[in-house]
Amino acid sequence: MPHLTLEYSANVPDPPDIQGILREIHRVLQETAGIKIANCKSRARIADEYVVADGGSSHAFVHLDVRILEGRSVELKKELGNRLLETLREHFSSAEAVLDLQTTVEIRDIERASYFKHPEGTLTIL
């Protein structure tokens, strides 16, 4: 916990340093939500098959799916979502300048009762 998936359309020109973005996302999670960086697991995917809007070549997307253990307030999730959106927009600004880029973040809860991890002790927050 948390699990993060960064996905973006294949027409995003010269994608930025994805490893660097993921590390920065981990830092935002620690600073904003008290999540230990050691618990963050991130992956990135390029969507080769996609349609945005009418399917025109100028339409593109960047989406970050964030799954964290339940128990955090709506206010904290809003703050986290806004900070993560700002982070993505900064890193994908060159694509935003040349494409009709839609950038989104979704934060979802993981139910503690249905999440299993080894070693167990690493499920705690800071």
N, C-alpha and C. Protein backbone atom coordinates (compact mmCIF):
# COMPACT_ATOMS: atom_id res chain seq x y z
N MET A 1 0.85 -1.15 0.00
CA MET A 1 0.00 0.00 0.00
C MET A 1 0.90 1.21 0.00
N PRO A 2 0.66 2.23 -0.69
CA PRO A 2 -0.35 2.34 -1.74
C PRO A 2 0.11 1.72 -3.05
N HIS A 3 -0.85 1.53 -3.93
CA HIS A 3 -0.57 1.09 -5.29
C HIS A 3 -0.91 2.23 -6.23
N LEU A 4 0.03 2.55 -7.13
CA LEU A 4 -0.15 3.68 -8.03
C LEU A 4 0.08 3.22 -9.47
N THR A 5 -0.80 3.64 -10.34
CA THR A 5 -0.64 3.35 -11.76
C THR A 5 -0.74 4.65 -12.53
N LEU A 6 0.34 5.00 -13.21
CA LEU A 6 0.38 6.16 -14.08
C LEU A 6 0.22 5.65 -15.51
N GLU A 7 -0.79 6.15 -16.19
CA GLU A 7 -1.04 5.72 -17.56
C GLU A 7 -1.14 6.96 -18.44
N TYR A 8 -0.58 6.87 -19.64
CA TYR A 8 -0.69 8.00 -20.56
C TYR A 8 -0.76 7.50 -21.99
N SER A 9 -1.41 8.29 -22.83
CA SER A 9 -1.60 7.90 -24.23
C SER A 9 -0.28 7.96 -24.99
N ALA A 10 -0.16 7.08 -25.96
CA ALA A 10 1.10 6.92 -26.70
C ALA A 10 1.47 8.15 -27.52
N ASN A 11 0.52 9.05 -27.74
CA ASN A 11 0.85 10.23 -28.54
C ASN A 11 1.46 11.37 -27.72
N VAL A 12 1.70 11.12 -26.43
CA VAL A 12 2.36 12.13 -25.60
C VAL A 12 3.81 12.23 -26.09
N PRO A 13 4.21 13.40 -26.60
CA PRO A 13 5.56 13.51 -27.15
C PRO A 13 6.63 13.58 -26.07
N ASP A 14 7.73 12.91 -26.33
CA ASP A 14 8.87 12.95 -25.42
C ASP A 14 8.45 12.87 -23.96
N PRO A 15 7.92 11.72 -23.54
CA PRO A 15 7.50 11.61 -22.13
C PRO A 15 8.65 11.99 -21.20
N PRO A 16 8.32 12.66 -20.12
CA PRO A 16 9.37 13.06 -19.17
C PRO A 16 9.96 11.84 -18.46
N ASP A 17 10.84 12.11 -17.54
CA ASP A 17 11.49 11.07 -16.74
C ASP A 17 10.45 10.39 -15.85
N ILE A 18 9.92 9.26 -16.29
CA ILE A 18 8.85 8.58 -15.58
C ILE A 18 9.32 8.12 -14.20
N GLN A 19 10.52 7.59 -14.09
CA GLN A 19 11.04 7.17 -12.78
C GLN A 19 11.07 8.37 -11.81
N GLY A 20 11.49 9.50 -12.31
CA GLY A 20 11.53 10.71 -11.49
C GLY A 20 10.14 11.16 -11.06
N ILE A 21 9.17 11.07 -11.96
CA ILE A 21 7.80 11.43 -11.62
C ILE A 21 7.27 10.51 -10.53
N LEU A 22 7.50 9.21 -10.68
CA LEU A 22 7.01 8.26 -9.69
C LEU A 22 7.64 8.51 -8.32
N ARG A 23 8.93 8.82 -8.30
CA ARG A 23 9.58 9.13 -7.02
C ARG A 23 8.98 10.41 -6.40
N GLU A 24 8.69 11.39 -7.24
CA GLU A 24 8.09 12.63 -6.72
C GLU A 24 6.68 12.35 -6.19
N ILE A 25 5.92 11.52 -6.87
CA ILE A 25 4.60 11.14 -6.39
C ILE A 25 4.71 10.47 -5.02
N HIS A 26 5.69 9.63 -4.84
CA HIS A 26 5.90 8.98 -3.53
C HIS A 26 6.16 10.04 -2.46
N ARG A 27 6.98 11.04 -2.79
CA ARG A 27 7.27 12.11 -1.81
C ARG A 27 5.99 12.88 -1.45
N VAL A 28 5.15 13.16 -2.46
CA VAL A 28 3.90 13.87 -2.20
C VAL A 28 3.01 13.05 -1.28
N LEU A 29 2.95 11.74 -1.49
CA LEU A 29 2.16 10.86 -0.63
C LEU A 29 2.67 10.90 0.81
N GLN A 30 3.99 10.91 0.97
CA GLN A 30 4.56 10.96 2.31
C GLN A 30 4.25 12.30 2.97
N GLU A 31 4.50 13.39 2.25
CA GLU A 31 4.31 14.72 2.83
C GLU A 31 2.85 15.04 3.13
N THR A 32 1.95 14.60 2.26
CA THR A 32 0.54 14.98 2.38
C THR A 32 -0.27 14.00 3.21
N ALA A 33 0.00 12.70 3.04
CA ALA A 33 -0.86 11.69 3.67
C ALA A 33 -0.14 10.85 4.72
N GLY A 34 1.12 11.14 4.98
CA GLY A 34 1.84 10.39 6.01
C GLY A 34 2.12 8.95 5.63
N ILE A 35 2.26 8.68 4.36
CA ILE A 35 2.50 7.32 3.87
C ILE A 35 4.00 7.10 3.75
N LYS A 36 4.48 5.98 4.27
CA LYS A 36 5.90 5.67 4.17
C LYS A 36 6.26 5.39 2.71
N ILE A 37 7.32 6.04 2.24
CA ILE A 37 7.78 5.82 0.88
C ILE A 37 8.10 4.35 0.64
N ALA A 38 8.60 3.67 1.67
CA ALA A 38 8.96 2.25 1.53
C ALA A 38 7.76 1.39 1.16
N ASN A 39 6.55 1.86 1.43
CA ASN A 39 5.35 1.09 1.11
C ASN A 39 4.78 1.40 -0.27
N CYS A 40 5.29 2.39 -0.96
CA CYS A 40 4.74 2.79 -2.26
C CYS A 40 5.18 1.83 -3.35
N LYS A 41 4.22 1.45 -4.17
CA LYS A 41 4.49 0.57 -5.31
C LYS A 41 3.85 1.21 -6.54
N SER A 42 4.67 1.61 -7.48
CA SER A 42 4.18 2.34 -8.65
C SER A 42 4.57 1.64 -9.93
N ARG A 43 3.74 1.86 -10.93
CA ARG A 43 4.05 1.37 -12.26
C ARG A 43 3.50 2.37 -13.25
N ALA A 44 4.06 2.36 -14.46
CA ALA A 44 3.61 3.26 -15.53
C ALA A 44 3.30 2.43 -16.76
N ARG A 45 2.27 2.86 -17.46
CA ARG A 45 1.85 2.16 -18.67
C ARG A 45 1.56 3.17 -19.77
N ILE A 46 2.02 2.84 -20.96
CA ILE A 46 1.69 3.64 -22.14
C ILE A 46 0.50 2.96 -22.81
N ALA A 47 -0.55 3.72 -23.06
CA ALA A 47 -1.73 3.19 -23.74
C ALA A 47 -1.54 3.34 -25.25
N ASP A 48 -1.25 2.22 -25.90
CA ASP A 48 -1.09 2.24 -27.36
C ASP A 48 -2.43 2.28 -28.07
N GLU A 49 -3.42 1.66 -27.48
CA GLU A 49 -4.77 1.63 -28.03
C GLU A 49 -5.66 2.50 -27.14
N TYR A 50 -6.15 3.60 -27.65
CA TYR A 50 -6.97 4.53 -26.87
C TYR A 50 -7.77 5.42 -27.82
N VAL A 51 -8.81 6.02 -27.31
CA VAL A 51 -9.56 7.05 -28.01
C VAL A 51 -9.89 8.11 -26.98
N VAL A 52 -9.54 9.34 -27.26
CA VAL A 52 -9.90 10.47 -26.41
C VAL A 52 -10.78 11.38 -27.26
N ALA A 53 -11.90 11.80 -26.72
CA ALA A 53 -12.84 12.69 -27.42
C ALA A 53 -13.26 12.07 -28.75
N ASP A 54 -13.05 12.78 -29.85
CA ASP A 54 -13.47 12.27 -31.16
C ASP A 54 -12.41 11.38 -31.82
N GLY A 55 -11.34 11.09 -31.10
CA GLY A 55 -10.30 10.23 -31.64
C GLY A 55 -9.23 10.96 -32.45
N GLY A 56 -9.35 12.27 -32.52
CA GLY A 56 -8.36 13.04 -33.26
C GLY A 56 -6.97 12.92 -32.67
N SER A 57 -5.95 13.08 -33.49
CA SER A 57 -4.57 12.87 -33.06
C SER A 57 -4.07 13.91 -32.06
N SER A 58 -4.80 15.02 -31.91
CA SER A 58 -4.36 16.04 -30.96
C SER A 58 -4.88 15.79 -29.55
N HIS A 59 -5.73 14.78 -29.37
CA HIS A 59 -6.29 14.48 -28.05
C HIS A 59 -5.41 13.44 -27.34
N ALA A 60 -5.15 13.71 -26.06
CA ALA A 60 -4.26 12.83 -25.29
C ALA A 60 -4.71 12.84 -23.83
N PHE A 61 -4.16 11.88 -23.07
CA PHE A 61 -4.49 11.84 -21.65
C PHE A 61 -3.30 11.38 -20.82
N VAL A 62 -3.35 11.80 -19.55
CA VAL A 62 -2.47 11.31 -18.50
C VAL A 62 -3.40 11.03 -17.32
N HIS A 63 -3.31 9.84 -16.76
CA HIS A 63 -4.17 9.49 -15.62
C HIS A 63 -3.35 8.79 -14.55
N LEU A 64 -3.57 9.20 -13.32
CA LEU A 64 -2.92 8.56 -12.17
C LEU A 64 -4.00 7.94 -11.30
N ASP A 65 -3.92 6.64 -11.12
CA ASP A 65 -4.82 5.90 -10.24
C ASP A 65 -4.06 5.64 -8.94
N VAL A 66 -4.62 6.12 -7.84
CA VAL A 66 -4.00 6.00 -6.53
C VAL A 66 -4.92 5.17 -5.64
N ARG A 67 -4.40 4.07 -5.13
CA ARG A 67 -5.17 3.23 -4.21
C ARG A 67 -4.43 3.22 -2.88
N ILE A 68 -5.12 3.73 -1.83
CA ILE A 68 -4.54 3.82 -0.49
C ILE A 68 -5.48 3.15 0.51
N LEU A 69 -4.91 2.73 1.66
CA LEU A 69 -5.74 2.12 2.69
C LEU A 69 -6.79 3.10 3.18
N GLU A 70 -7.97 2.59 3.42
CA GLU A 70 -9.10 3.40 3.89
C GLU A 70 -8.76 4.06 5.21
N GLY A 71 -9.52 5.12 5.53
CA GLY A 71 -9.37 5.77 6.81
C GLY A 71 -8.94 7.22 6.74
N ARG A 72 -8.60 7.71 5.58
CA ARG A 72 -8.20 9.10 5.46
C ARG A 72 -9.42 9.97 5.11
N SER A 73 -9.41 11.18 5.59
CA SER A 73 -10.56 12.07 5.41
C SER A 73 -10.72 12.52 3.96
N VAL A 74 -11.92 12.95 3.65
CA VAL A 74 -12.21 13.48 2.31
C VAL A 74 -11.35 14.71 2.07
N GLU A 75 -11.16 15.55 3.07
CA GLU A 75 -10.36 16.77 2.93
C GLU A 75 -8.91 16.42 2.58
N LEU A 76 -8.36 15.41 3.27
CA LEU A 76 -6.99 15.01 2.99
C LEU A 76 -6.88 14.46 1.56
N LYS A 77 -7.86 13.67 1.13
CA LYS A 77 -7.84 13.13 -0.23
C LYS A 77 -7.93 14.24 -1.27
N LYS A 78 -8.71 15.27 -0.98
CA LYS A 78 -8.80 16.42 -1.90
C LYS A 78 -7.46 17.12 -2.00
N GLU A 79 -6.82 17.36 -0.86
CA GLU A 79 -5.51 18.00 -0.87
C GLU A 79 -4.50 17.14 -1.63
N LEU A 80 -4.51 15.84 -1.36
CA LEU A 80 -3.59 14.93 -2.03
C LEU A 80 -3.85 14.92 -3.54
N GLY A 81 -5.12 14.83 -3.92
CA GLY A 81 -5.46 14.82 -5.34
C GLY A 81 -5.01 16.08 -6.06
N ASN A 82 -5.20 17.22 -5.43
CA ASN A 82 -4.78 18.48 -6.04
C ASN A 82 -3.27 18.57 -6.17
N ARG A 83 -2.54 18.12 -5.14
CA ARG A 83 -1.08 18.15 -5.22
C ARG A 83 -0.56 17.20 -6.29
N LEU A 84 -1.18 16.03 -6.40
CA LEU A 84 -0.75 15.07 -7.42
C LEU A 84 -1.07 15.58 -8.82
N LEU A 85 -2.23 16.21 -8.98
CA LEU A 85 -2.59 16.78 -10.28
C LEU A 85 -1.59 17.87 -10.68
N GLU A 86 -1.23 18.70 -9.73
CA GLU A 86 -0.23 19.76 -9.98
C GLU A 86 1.11 19.14 -10.39
N THR A 87 1.50 18.08 -9.71
CA THR A 87 2.76 17.40 -10.02
C THR A 87 2.75 16.86 -11.46
N LEU A 88 1.65 16.20 -11.83
CA LEU A 88 1.55 15.66 -13.20
C LEU A 88 1.58 16.78 -14.23
N ARG A 89 0.84 17.85 -13.98
CA ARG A 89 0.79 18.95 -14.94
C ARG A 89 2.17 19.59 -15.13
N GLU A 90 2.94 19.69 -14.05
CA GLU A 90 4.29 20.23 -14.16
C GLU A 90 5.15 19.34 -15.05
N HIS A 91 5.08 18.05 -14.84
CA HIS A 91 5.94 17.12 -15.56
C HIS A 91 5.50 16.89 -17.01
N PHE A 92 4.23 17.06 -17.29
CA PHE A 92 3.73 16.85 -18.64
C PHE A 92 3.39 18.18 -19.32
N SER A 93 3.98 19.27 -18.87
CA SER A 93 3.67 20.59 -19.41
C SER A 93 4.03 20.72 -20.89
N SER A 94 5.09 20.06 -21.33
CA SER A 94 5.44 20.17 -22.76
C SER A 94 4.39 19.50 -23.63
N ALA A 95 3.81 18.40 -23.16
CA ALA A 95 2.73 17.74 -23.90
C ALA A 95 1.47 18.59 -23.86
N GLU A 96 1.22 19.22 -22.71
CA GLU A 96 0.04 20.07 -22.57
C GLU A 96 0.12 21.27 -23.52
N ALA A 97 1.34 21.70 -23.84
CA ALA A 97 1.52 22.85 -24.73
C ALA A 97 1.19 22.53 -26.19
N VAL A 98 1.28 21.26 -26.59
CA VAL A 98 1.07 20.92 -28.00
C VAL A 98 -0.12 20.01 -28.25
N LEU A 99 -0.74 19.50 -27.18
CA LEU A 99 -1.87 18.59 -27.32
C LEU A 99 -3.06 19.09 -26.51
N ASP A 100 -4.22 18.57 -26.85
CA ASP A 100 -5.40 18.76 -26.01
C ASP A 100 -5.32 17.67 -24.95
N LEU A 101 -4.53 17.92 -23.92
CA LEU A 101 -4.19 16.92 -22.92
C LEU A 101 -5.15 17.00 -21.74
N GLN A 102 -5.78 15.87 -21.42
CA GLN A 102 -6.62 15.77 -20.23
C GLN A 102 -5.80 15.03 -19.17
N THR A 103 -5.62 15.68 -18.02
CA THR A 103 -4.84 15.11 -16.93
C THR A 103 -5.76 14.87 -15.74
N THR A 104 -5.76 13.64 -15.24
CA THR A 104 -6.69 13.28 -14.16
C THR A 104 -6.00 12.46 -13.09
N VAL A 105 -6.58 12.52 -11.89
CA VAL A 105 -6.12 11.74 -10.74
C VAL A 105 -7.37 11.15 -10.08
N GLU A 106 -7.32 9.88 -9.74
CA GLU A 106 -8.40 9.24 -8.99
C GLU A 106 -7.80 8.57 -7.77
N ILE A 107 -8.38 8.86 -6.61
CA ILE A 107 -7.92 8.27 -5.36
C ILE A 107 -9.03 7.34 -4.86
N ARG A 108 -8.66 6.10 -4.65
CA ARG A 108 -9.63 5.10 -4.18
C ARG A 108 -9.11 4.44 -2.91
N ASP A 109 -10.04 4.03 -2.08
CA ASP A 109 -9.70 3.34 -0.83
C ASP A 109 -9.52 1.85 -1.06
N ILE A 110 -8.55 1.30 -0.37
CA ILE A 110 -8.38 -0.15 -0.27
C ILE A 110 -8.95 -0.54 1.09
N GLU A 111 -9.88 -1.48 1.12
CA GLU A 111 -10.44 -1.94 2.39
C GLU A 111 -9.40 -2.77 3.14
N ARG A 112 -9.16 -2.41 4.38
CA ARG A 112 -8.17 -3.13 5.19
C ARG A 112 -8.51 -4.62 5.30
N ALA A 113 -9.80 -4.92 5.42
CA ALA A 113 -10.22 -6.31 5.61
C ALA A 113 -9.94 -7.18 4.39
N SER A 114 -9.76 -6.57 3.23
CA SER A 114 -9.55 -7.36 2.02
C SER A 114 -8.17 -7.15 1.40
N TYR A 115 -7.24 -6.55 2.16
CA TYR A 115 -5.89 -6.32 1.65
C TYR A 115 -4.91 -7.12 2.52
N PHE A 116 -4.09 -7.90 1.87
CA PHE A 116 -3.16 -8.78 2.56
C PHE A 116 -1.75 -8.47 2.08
N LYS A 117 -0.81 -8.42 3.03
CA LYS A 117 0.55 -8.05 2.68
C LYS A 117 1.52 -8.76 3.59
N HIS A 118 2.69 -9.07 3.05
CA HIS A 118 3.78 -9.60 3.84
C HIS A 118 5.00 -8.74 3.60
N PRO A 119 5.71 -8.29 4.58
CA PRO A 119 5.43 -8.47 6.00
C PRO A 119 4.30 -7.55 6.46
N GLU A 120 3.46 -8.05 7.36
CA GLU A 120 2.28 -7.34 7.81
C GLU A 120 2.57 -5.99 8.44
N GLY A 121 3.62 -5.89 9.21
CA GLY A 121 3.93 -4.67 9.96
C GLY A 121 4.14 -3.43 9.12
N THR A 122 4.29 -3.59 7.82
CA THR A 122 4.54 -2.44 6.97
C THR A 122 3.26 -1.74 6.54
N LEU A 123 2.10 -2.16 7.03
CA LEU A 123 0.84 -1.52 6.67
C LEU A 123 0.57 -0.23 7.44
N THR A 124 1.35 0.08 8.43
CA THR A 124 1.10 1.27 9.23
C THR A 124 1.51 2.53 8.48
N ILE A 125 0.94 3.68 8.89
CA ILE A 125 1.34 4.95 8.31
C ILE A 125 2.39 5.58 9.22
N LEU A 126 3.03 6.64 8.77
CA LEU A 126 4.10 7.30 9.55
C LEU A 126 3.75 7.53 10.98
